[in-house]
PDB file of N, CA and C in Angstrom:
ATOM      1  N   MET A   1       0.841 -66.542 -35.687  1.00  0.00           N
ATOM      2  CA  MET A   1       0.422 -65.202 -35.380  1.00  0.00           C
ATOM      3  C   MET A   1      -0.343 -65.193 -34.066  1.00  0.00           C
ATOM      4  N   THR A   2      -0.163 -64.097 -33.359  1.00  0.00           N
ATOM      5  CA  THR A   2      -0.848 -63.977 -32.082  1.00  0.00           C
ATOM      6  C   THR A   2      -2.190 -63.273 -32.278  1.00  0.00           C
ATOM      7  N   ASN A   3      -2.974 -63.309 -31.219  1.00  0.00           N
ATOM      8  CA  ASN A   3      -4.285 -62.651 -31.266  1.00  0.00           C
ATOM      9  C   ASN A   3      -4.154 -61.155 -31.541  1.00  0.00           C
ATOM     10  N   SER A   4      -3.145 -60.505 -30.974  1.00  0.00           N
ATOM     11  CA  SER A   4      -2.958 -59.067 -31.192  1.00  0.00           C
ATOM     12  C   SER A   4      -2.579 -58.791 -32.650  1.00  0.00           C
ATOM     13  N   ASP A   5      -1.860 -59.695 -33.316  1.00  0.00           N
ATOM     14  CA  ASP A   5      -1.538 -59.532 -34.733  1.00  0.00           C
ATOM     15  C   ASP A   5      -2.818 -59.565 -35.576  1.00  0.00           C
ATOM     16  N   TYR A   6      -3.695 -60.543 -35.265  1.00  0.00           N
ATOM     17  CA  TYR A   6      -4.967 -60.618 -35.995  1.00  0.00           C
ATOM     18  C   TYR A   6      -5.829 -59.379 -35.736  1.00  0.00           C
ATOM     19  N   LEU A   7      -5.832 -58.952 -34.499  1.00  0.00           N
ATOM     20  CA  LEU A   7      -6.599 -57.760 -34.141  1.00  0.00           C
ATOM     21  C   LEU A   7      -6.075 -56.541 -34.889  1.00  0.00           C
ATOM     22  N   PHE A   8      -4.770 -56.382 -34.958  1.00  0.00           N
ATOM     23  CA  PHE A   8      -4.161 -55.264 -35.661  1.00  0.00           C
ATOM     24  C   PHE A   8      -4.507 -55.315 -37.156  1.00  0.00           C
ATOM     25  N   LYS A   9      -4.398 -56.495 -37.777  1.00  0.00           N
ATOM     26  CA  LYS A   9      -4.723 -56.642 -39.193  1.00  0.00           C
ATOM     27  C   LYS A   9      -6.208 -56.370 -39.448  1.00  0.00           C
ATOM     28  N   ALA A  10      -7.054 -56.794 -38.538  1.00  0.00           N
ATOM     29  CA  ALA A  10      -8.492 -56.566 -38.682  1.00  0.00           C
ATOM     30  C   ALA A  10      -8.798 -55.069 -38.615  1.00  0.00           C
ATOM     31  N   VAL A  11      -8.135 -54.379 -37.698  1.00  0.00           N
ATOM     32  CA  VAL A  11      -8.331 -52.933 -37.576  1.00  0.00           C
ATOM     33  C   VAL A  11      -7.911 -52.242 -38.871  1.00  0.00           C
ATOM     34  N   ILE A  12      -6.746 -52.590 -39.381  1.00  0.00           N
ATOM     35  CA  ILE A  12      -6.247 -51.987 -40.622  1.00  0.00           C
ATOM     36  C   ILE A  12      -7.219 -52.269 -41.766  1.00  0.00           C
ATOM     37  N   LYS A  13      -7.691 -53.477 -41.894  1.00  0.00           N
ATOM     38  CA  LYS A  13      -8.596 -53.851 -42.975  1.00  0.00           C
ATOM     39  C   LYS A  13      -9.906 -53.071 -42.884  1.00  0.00           C
ATOM     40  N   LYS A  14     -10.519 -53.037 -41.695  1.00  0.00           N
ATOM     41  CA  LYS A  14     -11.809 -52.364 -41.534  1.00  0.00           C
ATOM     42  C   LYS A  14     -11.692 -50.845 -41.721  1.00  0.00           C
ATOM     43  N   VAL A  15     -10.614 -50.260 -41.223  1.00  0.00           N
ATOM     44  CA  VAL A  15     -10.404 -48.819 -41.403  1.00  0.00           C
ATOM     45  C   VAL A  15     -10.215 -48.510 -42.890  1.00  0.00           C
ATOM     46  N   SER A  16      -9.459 -49.330 -43.595  1.00  0.00           N
ATOM     47  CA  SER A  16      -9.253 -49.138 -45.034  1.00  0.00           C
ATOM     48  C   SER A  16     -10.574 -49.239 -45.793  1.00  0.00           C
ATOM     49  N   GLU A  17     -11.388 -50.233 -45.441  1.00  0.00           N
ATOM     50  CA  GLU A  17     -12.684 -50.389 -46.093  1.00  0.00           C
ATOM     51  C   GLU A  17     -13.570 -49.168 -45.856  1.00  0.00           C
ATOM     52  N   LYS A  18     -13.576 -48.704 -44.623  1.00  0.00           N
ATOM     53  CA  LYS A  18     -14.418 -47.539 -44.285  1.00  0.00           C
ATOM     54  C   LYS A  18     -13.933 -46.284 -45.020  1.00  0.00           C
ATOM     55  N   VAL A  19     -12.625 -46.067 -45.074  1.00  0.00           N
ATOM     56  CA  VAL A  19     -12.064 -44.908 -45.773  1.00  0.00           C
ATOM     57  C   VAL A  19     -12.416 -44.988 -47.258  1.00  0.00           C
ATOM     58  N   ASN A  20     -12.272 -46.151 -47.847  1.00  0.00           N
ATOM     59  CA  ASN A  20     -12.621 -46.320 -49.262  1.00  0.00           C
ATOM     60  C   ASN A  20     -14.105 -46.064 -49.492  1.00  0.00           C
ATOM     61  N   GLU A  21     -14.940 -46.552 -48.612  1.00  0.00           N
ATOM     62  CA  GLU A  21     -16.393 -46.344 -48.730  1.00  0.00           C
ATOM     63  C   GLU A  21     -16.737 -44.864 -48.666  1.00  0.00           C
ATOM     64  N   VAL A  22     -16.153 -44.156 -47.713  1.00  0.00           N
ATOM     65  CA  VAL A  22     -16.414 -42.724 -47.559  1.00  0.00           C
ATOM     66  C   VAL A  22     -15.875 -41.959 -48.765  1.00  0.00           C
ATOM     67  N   LEU A  23     -14.683 -42.308 -49.234  1.00  0.00           N
ATOM     68  CA  LEU A  23     -14.111 -41.612 -50.391  1.00  0.00           C
ATOM     69  C   LEU A  23     -14.974 -41.800 -51.634  1.00  0.00           C
ATOM     70  N   ILE A  24     -15.428 -43.014 -51.869  1.00  0.00           N
ATOM     71  CA  ILE A  24     -16.283 -43.274 -53.031  1.00  0.00           C
ATOM     72  C   ILE A  24     -17.572 -42.466 -52.924  1.00  0.00           C
ATOM     73  N   GLU A  25     -18.158 -42.440 -51.742  1.00  0.00           N
ATOM     74  CA  GLU A  25     -19.391 -41.679 -51.528  1.00  0.00           C
ATOM     75  C   GLU A  25     -19.169 -40.196 -51.795  1.00  0.00           C
ATOM     76  N   LYS A  26     -18.071 -39.655 -51.297  1.00  0.00           N
ATOM     77  CA  LYS A  26     -17.785 -38.228 -51.476  1.00  0.00           C
ATOM     78  C   LYS A  26     -17.470 -37.906 -52.931  1.00  0.00           C
ATOM     79  N   PHE A  27     -16.767 -38.804 -53.637  1.00  0.00           N
ATOM     80  CA  PHE A  27     -16.505 -38.595 -55.061  1.00  0.00           C
ATOM     81  C   PHE A  27     -17.812 -38.583 -55.856  1.00  0.00           C
ATOM     82  N   GLU A  28     -18.750 -39.450 -55.491  1.00  0.00           N
ATOM     83  CA  GLU A  28     -20.044 -39.470 -56.166  1.00  0.00           C
ATOM     84  C   GLU A  28     -20.806 -38.167 -55.908  1.00  0.00           C
ATOM     85  N   GLU A  29     -20.771 -37.681 -54.667  1.00  0.00           N
ATOM     86  CA  GLU A  29     -21.425 -36.411 -54.346  1.00  0.00           C
ATOM     87  C   GLU A  29     -20.801 -35.263 -55.138  1.00  0.00           C
ATOM     88  N   ALA A  30     -19.461 -35.260 -55.204  1.00  0.00           N
ATOM     89  CA  ALA A  30     -18.766 -34.196 -55.943  1.00  0.00           C
ATOM     90  C   ALA A  30     -19.113 -34.258 -57.426  1.00  0.00           C
ATOM     91  N   ALA A  31     -19.221 -35.449 -57.974  1.00  0.00           N
ATOM     92  CA  ALA A  31     -19.577 -35.589 -59.388  1.00  0.00           C
ATOM     93  C   ALA A  31     -20.984 -35.058 -59.640  1.00  0.00           C
ATOM     94  N   ASN A  32     -21.912 -35.357 -58.739  1.00  0.00           N
ATOM     95  CA  ASN A  32     -23.289 -34.858 -58.889  1.00  0.00           C
ATOM     96  C   ASN A  32     -23.343 -33.335 -58.788  1.00  0.00           C
ATOM     97  N   ILE A  33     -22.595 -32.787 -57.860  1.00  0.00           N
ATOM     98  CA  ILE A  33     -22.549 -31.326 -57.700  1.00  0.00           C
ATOM     99  C   ILE A  33     -21.929 -30.684 -58.933  1.00  0.00           C
ATOM    100  N   ALA A  34     -20.852 -31.271 -59.438  1.00  0.00           N
ATOM    101  CA  ALA A  34     -20.202 -30.728 -60.624  1.00  0.00           C
ATOM    102  C   ALA A  34     -21.142 -30.768 -61.828  1.00  0.00           C
ATOM    103  N   LYS A  35     -21.970 -31.795 -61.891  1.00  0.00           N
ATOM    104  CA  LYS A  35     -22.929 -31.918 -62.985  1.00  0.00           C
ATOM    105  C   LYS A  35     -23.988 -30.818 -62.883  1.00  0.00           C
ATOM    106  N   ASP A  36     -24.401 -30.472 -61.660  1.00  0.00           N
ATOM    107  CA  ASP A  36     -25.447 -29.476 -61.448  1.00  0.00           C
ATOM    108  C   ASP A  36     -24.912 -28.044 -61.361  1.00  0.00           C
ATOM    109  N   ALA A  37     -23.605 -27.880 -61.262  1.00  0.00           N
ATOM    110  CA  ALA A  37     -23.006 -26.557 -61.043  1.00  0.00           C
ATOM    111  C   ALA A  37     -23.383 -25.537 -62.111  1.00  0.00           C
ATOM    112  N   PRO A  38     -23.321 -25.852 -63.401  1.00  0.00           N
ATOM    113  CA  PRO A  38     -23.691 -24.824 -64.389  1.00  0.00           C
ATOM    114  C   PRO A  38     -25.127 -24.326 -64.211  1.00  0.00           C
ATOM    115  N   ASP A  39     -26.050 -25.223 -63.897  1.00  0.00           N
ATOM    116  CA  ASP A  39     -27.442 -24.811 -63.685  1.00  0.00           C
ATOM    117  C   ASP A  39     -27.565 -23.922 -62.457  1.00  0.00           C
ATOM    118  N   ILE A  40     -26.860 -24.279 -61.393  1.00  0.00           N
ATOM    119  CA  ILE A  40     -26.902 -23.488 -60.156  1.00  0.00           C
ATOM    120  C   ILE A  40     -26.325 -22.099 -60.403  1.00  0.00           C
ATOM    121  N   ILE A  41     -25.186 -22.041 -61.101  1.00  0.00           N
ATOM    122  CA  ILE A  41     -24.548 -20.755 -61.384  1.00  0.00           C
ATOM    123  C   ILE A  41     -25.450 -19.904 -62.267  1.00  0.00           C
ATOM    124  N   LYS A  42     -26.052 -20.499 -63.285  1.00  0.00           N
ATOM    125  CA  LYS A  42     -26.949 -19.757 -64.171  1.00  0.00           C
ATOM    126  C   LYS A  42     -28.144 -19.214 -63.391  1.00  0.00           C
ATOM    127  N   LYS A  43     -28.714 -20.034 -62.513  1.00  0.00           N
ATOM    128  CA  LYS A  43     -29.863 -19.597 -61.716  1.00  0.00           C
ATOM    129  C   LYS A  43     -29.478 -18.414 -60.827  1.00  0.00           C
ATOM    130  N   GLU A  44     -28.334 -18.505 -60.157  1.00  0.00           N
ATOM    131  CA  GLU A  44     -27.881 -17.418 -59.286  1.00  0.00           C
ATOM    132  C   GLU A  44     -27.598 -16.155 -60.095  1.00  0.00           C
ATOM    133  N   PHE A  45     -27.022 -16.313 -61.280  1.00  0.00           N
ATOM    134  CA  PHE A  45     -26.750 -15.164 -62.131  1.00  0.00           C
ATOM    135  C   PHE A  45     -28.050 -14.508 -62.570  1.00  0.00           C
ATOM    136  N   ASP A  46     -29.051 -15.308 -62.924  1.00  0.00           N
ATOM    137  CA  ASP A  46     -30.357 -14.765 -63.321  1.00  0.00           C
ATOM    138  C   ASP A  46     -31.005 -14.001 -62.171  1.00  0.00           C
ATOM    139  N   ILE A  47     -30.908 -14.541 -60.963  1.00  0.00           N
ATOM    140  CA  ILE A  47     -31.457 -13.856 -59.788  1.00  0.00           C
ATOM    141  C   ILE A  47     -30.745 -12.522 -59.579  1.00  0.00           C
ATOM    142  N   LEU A  48     -29.416 -12.526 -59.703  1.00  0.00           N
ATOM    143  CA  LEU A  48     -28.641 -11.295 -59.550  1.00  0.00           C
ATOM    144  C   LEU A  48     -29.032 -10.281 -60.621  1.00  0.00           C
ATOM    145  N   LYS A  49     -29.165 -10.739 -61.855  1.00  0.00           N
ATOM    146  CA  LYS A  49     -29.530  -9.848 -62.962  1.00  0.00           C
ATOM    147  C   LYS A  49     -30.903  -9.223 -62.711  1.00  0.00           C
ATOM    148  N   GLU A  50     -31.865 -10.021 -62.265  1.00  0.00           N
ATOM    149  CA  GLU A  50     -33.199  -9.503 -61.976  1.00  0.00           C
ATOM    150  C   GLU A  50     -33.159  -8.461 -60.858  1.00  0.00           C
ATOM    151  N   SER A  51     -32.374  -8.733 -59.815  1.00  0.00           N
ATOM    152  CA  SER A  51     -32.319  -7.778 -58.705  1.00  0.00           C
ATOM    153  C   SER A  51     -31.641  -6.478 -59.128  1.00  0.00           C
ATOM    154  N   ILE A  52     -30.662  -6.560 -60.039  1.00  0.00           N
ATOM    155  CA  ILE A  52     -30.007  -5.352 -60.547  1.00  0.00           C
ATOM    156  C   ILE A  52     -31.000  -4.524 -61.360  1.00  0.00           C
ATOM    157  N   ILE A  53     -31.783  -5.185 -62.203  1.00  0.00           N
ATOM    158  CA  ILE A  53     -32.776  -4.486 -63.013  1.00  0.00           C
ATOM    159  C   ILE A  53     -33.830  -3.840 -62.119  1.00  0.00           C
ATOM    160  N   GLU A  54     -34.290  -4.563 -61.100  1.00  0.00           N
ATOM    161  CA  GLU A  54     -35.273  -4.009 -60.166  1.00  0.00           C
ATOM    162  C   GLU A  54     -34.711  -2.798 -59.430  1.00  0.00           C
ATOM    163  N   GLU A  55     -33.452  -2.888 -59.001  1.00  0.00           N
ATOM    164  CA  GLU A  55     -32.834  -1.770 -58.288  1.00  0.00           C
ATOM    165  C   GLU A  55     -32.686  -0.560 -59.196  1.00  0.00           C
ATOM    166  N   ALA A  56     -32.309  -0.785 -60.453  1.00  0.00           N
ATOM    167  CA  ALA A  56     -32.181   0.321 -61.405  1.00  0.00           C
ATOM    168  C   ALA A  56     -33.533   0.987 -61.632  1.00  0.00           C
ATOM    169  N   ALA A  57     -34.580   0.188 -61.752  1.00  0.00           N
ATOM    170  CA  ALA A  57     -35.926   0.743 -61.944  1.00  0.00           C
ATOM    171  C   ALA A  57     -36.358   1.534 -60.715  1.00  0.00           C
ATOM    172  N   ARG A  58     -36.052   1.008 -59.521  1.00  0.00           N
ATOM    173  CA  ARG A  58     -36.392   1.714 -58.291  1.00  0.00           C
ATOM    174  C   ARG A  58     -35.659   3.048 -58.211  1.00  0.00           C
ATOM    175  N   MET A  59     -34.377   3.024 -58.562  1.00  0.00           N
ATOM    176  CA  MET A  59     -33.581   4.252 -58.514  1.00  0.00           C
ATOM    177  C   MET A  59     -34.090   5.280 -59.523  1.00  0.00           C
ATOM    178  N   GLU A  60     -34.440   4.803 -60.723  1.00  0.00           N
ATOM    179  CA  GLU A  60     -34.970   5.705 -61.743  1.00  0.00           C
ATOM    180  C   GLU A  60     -36.293   6.329 -61.277  1.00  0.00           C
ATOM    181  N   TYR A  61     -37.171   5.501 -60.714  1.00  0.00           N
ATOM    182  CA  TYR A  61     -38.448   5.995 -60.206  1.00  0.00           C
ATOM    183  C   TYR A  61     -38.219   7.032 -59.106  1.00  0.00           C
ATOM    184  N   GLU A  62     -37.281   6.717 -58.221  1.00  0.00           N
ATOM    185  CA  GLU A  62     -36.983   7.612 -57.114  1.00  0.00           C
ATOM    186  C   GLU A  62     -36.479   8.962 -57.614  1.00  0.00           C
ATOM    187  N   MET A  63     -35.608   8.928 -58.611  1.00  0.00           N
ATOM    188  CA  MET A  63     -35.063  10.174 -59.151  1.00  0.00           C
ATOM    189  C   MET A  63     -36.136  10.976 -59.877  1.00  0.00           C
ATOM    190  N   ASN A  64     -37.036  10.311 -60.568  1.00  0.00           N
ATOM    191  CA  ASN A  64     -38.079  11.010 -61.319  1.00  0.00           C
ATOM    192  C   ASN A  64     -39.189  11.541 -60.417  1.00  0.00           C
ATOM    193  N   SER A  65     -39.384  10.932 -59.259  1.00  0.00           N
ATOM    194  CA  SER A  65     -40.470  11.368 -58.381  1.00  0.00           C
ATOM    195  C   SER A  65     -40.046  12.463 -57.416  1.00  0.00           C
ATOM    196  N   LYS A  66     -38.743  12.738 -57.298  1.00  0.00           N
ATOM    197  CA  LYS A  66     -38.268  13.791 -56.399  1.00  0.00           C
ATOM    198  C   LYS A  66     -38.341  15.148 -57.078  1.00  0.00           C
ATOM    199  N   PRO A  67     -38.554  16.175 -56.284  1.00  0.00           N
ATOM    200  CA  PRO A  67     -38.474  17.515 -56.868  1.00  0.00           C
ATOM    201  C   PRO A  67     -37.043  17.781 -57.335  1.00  0.00           C
ATOM    202  N   ARG A  68     -36.893  18.501 -58.443  1.00  0.00           N
ATOM    203  CA  ARG A  68     -35.562  18.772 -59.003  1.00  0.00           C
ATOM    204  C   ARG A  68     -34.712  19.648 -58.078  1.00  0.00           C
ATOM    205  N   ASN A  69     -35.348  20.592 -57.422  1.00  0.00           N
ATOM    206  CA  ASN A  69     -34.618  21.383 -56.431  1.00  0.00           C
ATOM    207  C   ASN A  69     -35.522  21.636 -55.238  1.00  0.00           C
ATOM    208  N   LYS A  70     -34.939  22.102 -54.197  1.00  0.00           N
ATOM    209  CA  LYS A  70     -35.684  22.264 -52.953  1.00  0.00           C
ATOM    210  C   LYS A  70     -36.779  23.326 -53.061  1.00  0.00           C
ATOM    211  N   LYS A  71     -36.622  24.273 -53.958  1.00  0.00           N
ATOM    212  CA  LYS A  71     -37.567  25.369 -54.064  1.00  0.00           C
ATOM    213  C   LYS A  71     -38.683  25.090 -55.072  1.00  0.00           C
ATOM    214  N   SER A  72     -38.697  23.916 -55.687  1.00  0.00           N
ATOM    215  CA  SER A  72     -39.703  23.663 -56.718  1.00  0.00           C
ATOM    216  C   SER A  72     -41.104  23.587 -56.135  1.00  0.00           C
ATOM    217  N   LYS A  73     -41.243  23.142 -54.907  1.00  0.00           N
ATOM    218  CA  LYS A  73     -42.548  23.109 -54.262  1.00  0.00           C
ATOM    219  C   LYS A  73     -42.520  24.101 -53.115  1.00  0.00           C
ATOM    220  N   THR A  74     -43.281  25.156 -53.270  1.00  0.00           N
ATOM    221  CA  THR A  74     -43.363  26.146 -52.193  1.00  0.00           C
ATOM    222  C   THR A  74     -44.820  26.372 -51.843  1.00  0.00           C
ATOM    223  N   TYR A  75     -45.020  26.656 -50.593  1.00  0.00           N
ATOM    224  CA  TYR A  75     -46.361  26.912 -50.069  1.00  0.00           C
ATOM    225  C   TYR A  75     -46.361  28.280 -49.402  1.00  0.00           C
ATOM    226  N   GLN A  76     -47.527  28.845 -49.232  1.00  0.00           N
ATOM    227  CA  GLN A  76     -47.616  30.154 -48.605  1.00  0.00           C
ATOM    228  C   GLN A  76     -47.288  30.075 -47.127  1.00  0.00           C
ATOM    229  N   ASP A  77     -47.635  28.978 -46.491  1.00  0.00           N
ATOM    230  CA  ASP A  77     -47.367  28.825 -45.056  1.00  0.00           C
ATOM    231  C   ASP A  77     -45.892  28.477 -44.854  1.00  0.00           C
ATOM    232  N   PRO A  78     -45.126  29.324 -44.162  1.00  0.00           N
ATOM    233  CA  PRO A  78     -43.699  29.072 -43.954  1.00  0.00           C
ATOM    234  C   PRO A  78     -43.438  27.799 -43.137  1.00  0.00           C
ATOM    235  N   LYS A  79     -44.394  27.424 -42.279  1.00  0.00           N
ATOM    236  CA  LYS A  79     -44.217  26.198 -41.495  1.00  0.00           C
ATOM    237  C   LYS A  79     -44.193  24.979 -42.415  1.00  0.00           C
ATOM    238  N   ILE A  80     -45.061  24.992 -43.430  1.00  0.00           N
ATOM    239  CA  ILE A  80     -45.092  23.874 -44.377  1.00  0.00           C
ATOM    240  C   ILE A  80     -43.791  23.833 -45.177  1.00  0.00           C
ATOM    241  N   ASN A  81     -43.302  24.999 -45.595  1.00  0.00           N
ATOM    242  CA  ASN A  81     -42.041  25.059 -46.333  1.00  0.00           C
ATOM    243  C   ASN A  81     -40.890  24.542 -45.480  1.00  0.00           C
ATOM    244  N   LYS A  82     -40.868  24.934 -44.214  1.00  0.00           N
ATOM    245  CA  LYS A  82     -39.798  24.474 -43.319  1.00  0.00           C
ATOM    246  C   LYS A  82     -39.894  22.970 -43.121  1.00  0.00           C
ATOM    247  N   ALA A  83     -41.100  22.465 -42.921  1.00  0.00           N
ATOM    248  CA  ALA A  83     -41.287  21.026 -42.753  1.00  0.00           C
ATOM    249  C   ALA A  83     -40.859  20.267 -44.014  1.00  0.00           C
ATOM    250  N   LEU A  84     -41.185  20.826 -45.180  1.00  0.00           N
ATOM    251  CA  LEU A  84     -40.802  20.198 -46.441  1.00  0.00           C
ATOM    252  C   LEU A  84     -39.284  20.159 -46.584  1.00  0.00           C
ATOM    253  N   GLU A  85     -38.626  21.236 -46.221  1.00  0.00           N
ATOM    254  CA  GLU A  85     -37.163  21.272 -46.268  1.00  0.00           C
ATOM    255  C   GLU A  85     -36.564  20.225 -45.319  1.00  0.00           C
ATOM    256  N   GLU A  86     -37.135  20.104 -44.135  1.00  0.00           N
ATOM    257  CA  GLU A  86     -36.653  19.110 -43.181  1.00  0.00           C
ATOM    258  C   GLU A  86     -36.862  17.686 -43.714  1.00  0.00           C
ATOM    259  N   ILE A  87     -37.997  17.459 -44.357  1.00  0.00           N
ATOM    260  CA  ILE A  87     -38.264  16.138 -44.944  1.00  0.00           C
ATOM    261  C   ILE A  87     -37.235  15.824 -46.025  1.00  0.00           C
ATOM    262  N   ILE A  88     -36.947  16.808 -46.864  1.00  0.00           N
ATOM    263  CA  ILE A  88     -35.949  16.602 -47.927  1.00  0.00           C
ATOM    264  C   ILE A  88     -34.579  16.312 -47.315  1.00  0.00           C
ATOM    265  N   GLU A  89     -34.227  17.009 -46.264  1.00  0.00           N
ATOM    266  CA  GLU A  89     -32.943  16.778 -45.587  1.00  0.00           C
ATOM    267  C   GLU A  89     -32.900  15.380 -44.972  1.00  0.00           C
ATOM    268  N   ILE A  90     -33.994  14.965 -44.358  1.00  0.00           N
ATOM    269  CA  ILE A  90     -34.061  13.618 -43.771  1.00  0.00           C
ATOM    270  C   ILE A  90     -33.931  12.562 -44.864  1.00  0.00           C
ATOM    271  N   GLN A  91     -34.598  12.793 -46.002  1.00  0.00           N
ATOM    272  CA  GLN A  91     -34.483  11.850 -47.121  1.00  0.00           C
ATOM    273  C   GLN A  91     -33.040  11.752 -47.595  1.00  0.00           C
ATOM    274  N   ALA A  92     -32.350  12.879 -47.670  1.00  0.00           N
ATOM    275  CA  ALA A  92     -30.953  12.882 -48.090  1.00  0.00           C
ATOM    276  C   ALA A  92     -30.092  12.109 -47.093  1.00  0.00           C
ATOM    277  N   ARG A  93     -30.347  12.294 -45.800  1.00  0.00           N
ATOM    278  CA  ARG A  93     -29.602  11.559 -44.777  1.00  0.00           C
ATOM    279  C   ARG A  93     -29.852  10.058 -44.887  1.00  0.00           C
ATOM    280  N   ILE A  94     -31.116   9.701 -45.125  1.00  0.00           N
ATOM    281  CA  ILE A  94     -31.463   8.279 -45.275  1.00  0.00           C
ATOM    282  C   ILE A  94     -30.742   7.688 -46.486  1.00  0.00           C
ATOM    283  N   GLU A  95     -30.704   8.438 -47.581  1.00  0.00           N
ATOM    284  CA  GLU A  95     -30.002   7.960 -48.773  1.00  0.00           C
ATOM    285  C   GLU A  95     -28.513   7.760 -48.494  1.00  0.00           C
ATOM    286  N   ARG A  96     -27.905   8.710 -47.780  1.00  0.00           N
ATOM    287  CA  ARG A  96     -26.484   8.567 -47.448  1.00  0.00           C
ATOM    288  C   ARG A  96     -26.258   7.350 -46.546  1.00  0.00           C
ATOM    289  N   LEU A  97     -27.138   7.171 -45.574  1.00  0.00           N
ATOM    290  CA  LEU A  97     -27.042   6.014 -44.685  1.00  0.00           C
ATOM    291  C   LEU A  97     -27.219   4.718 -45.464  1.00  0.00           C
ATOM    292  N   ASP A  98     -28.179   4.724 -46.395  1.00  0.00           N
ATOM    293  CA  ASP A  98     -28.420   3.544 -47.225  1.00  0.00           C
ATOM    294  C   ASP A  98     -27.188   3.214 -48.059  1.00  0.00           C
ATOM    295  N   LYS A  99     -26.561   4.230 -48.638  1.00  0.00           N
ATOM    296  CA  LYS A  99     -25.339   4.009 -49.426  1.00  0.00           C
ATOM    297  C   LYS A  99     -24.228   3.446 -48.555  1.00  0.00           C
ATOM    298  N   LYS A 100     -24.076   3.984 -47.342  1.00  0.00           N
ATOM    299  CA  LYS A 100     -23.038   3.478 -46.434  1.00  0.00           C
ATOM    300  C   LYS A 100     -23.319   2.023 -46.063  1.00  0.00           C
ATOM    301  N   MET A 101     -24.582   1.699 -45.810  1.00  0.00           N
ATOM    302  CA  MET A 101     -24.945   0.332 -45.447  1.00  0.00           C
ATOM    303  C   MET A 101     -24.691  -0.611 -46.629  1.00  0.00           C
ATOM    304  N   ASN A 102     -25.039  -0.184 -47.837  1.00  0.00           N
ATOM    305  CA  ASN A 102     -24.797  -1.022 -49.024  1.00  0.00           C
ATOM    306  C   ASN A 102     -23.324  -1.227 -49.262  1.00  0.00           C
ATOM    307  N   ASN A 103     -22.509  -0.210 -49.011  1.00  0.00           N
ATOM    308  CA  ASN A 103     -21.061  -0.348 -49.170  1.00  0.00           C
ATOM    309  C   ASN A 103     -20.491  -1.241 -48.082  1.00  0.00           C
ATOM    310  N   PHE A 104     -21.096  -1.208 -46.900  1.00  0.00           N
ATOM    311  CA  PHE A 104     -20.633  -2.045 -45.791  1.00  0.00           C
ATOM    312  C   PHE A 104     -20.915  -3.511 -46.048  1.00  0.00           C
ATOM    313  N   ILE A 105     -22.074  -3.794 -46.644  1.00  0.00           N
ATOM    314  CA  ILE A 105     -22.485  -5.167 -46.904  1.00  0.00           C
ATOM    315  C   ILE A 105     -21.687  -5.662 -48.066  1.00  0.00           C
TER     316      ILE A 105
END
């Protein structure tokens, strides 16, 4: 055998060893992740459930704290009534924008 034959065989051997080493390492990582996956999924589901409950409570509070109709709060000063109407309109616009942003995300 020539020197280039030995060199070629050495390259093949070392590359094979390295590939096997990396594959074994990655299989071990995958096994560890698979072992932890149910806990990770449960944790993420619990976080999602909590955020849904918080959002529902926020929405309920928001609905209960708003006046039922625009005329429920009236003042003698027409400027205050106009300002209140504008505030209600701005709140409605913000809610629509918030819904669009949530649908976009």
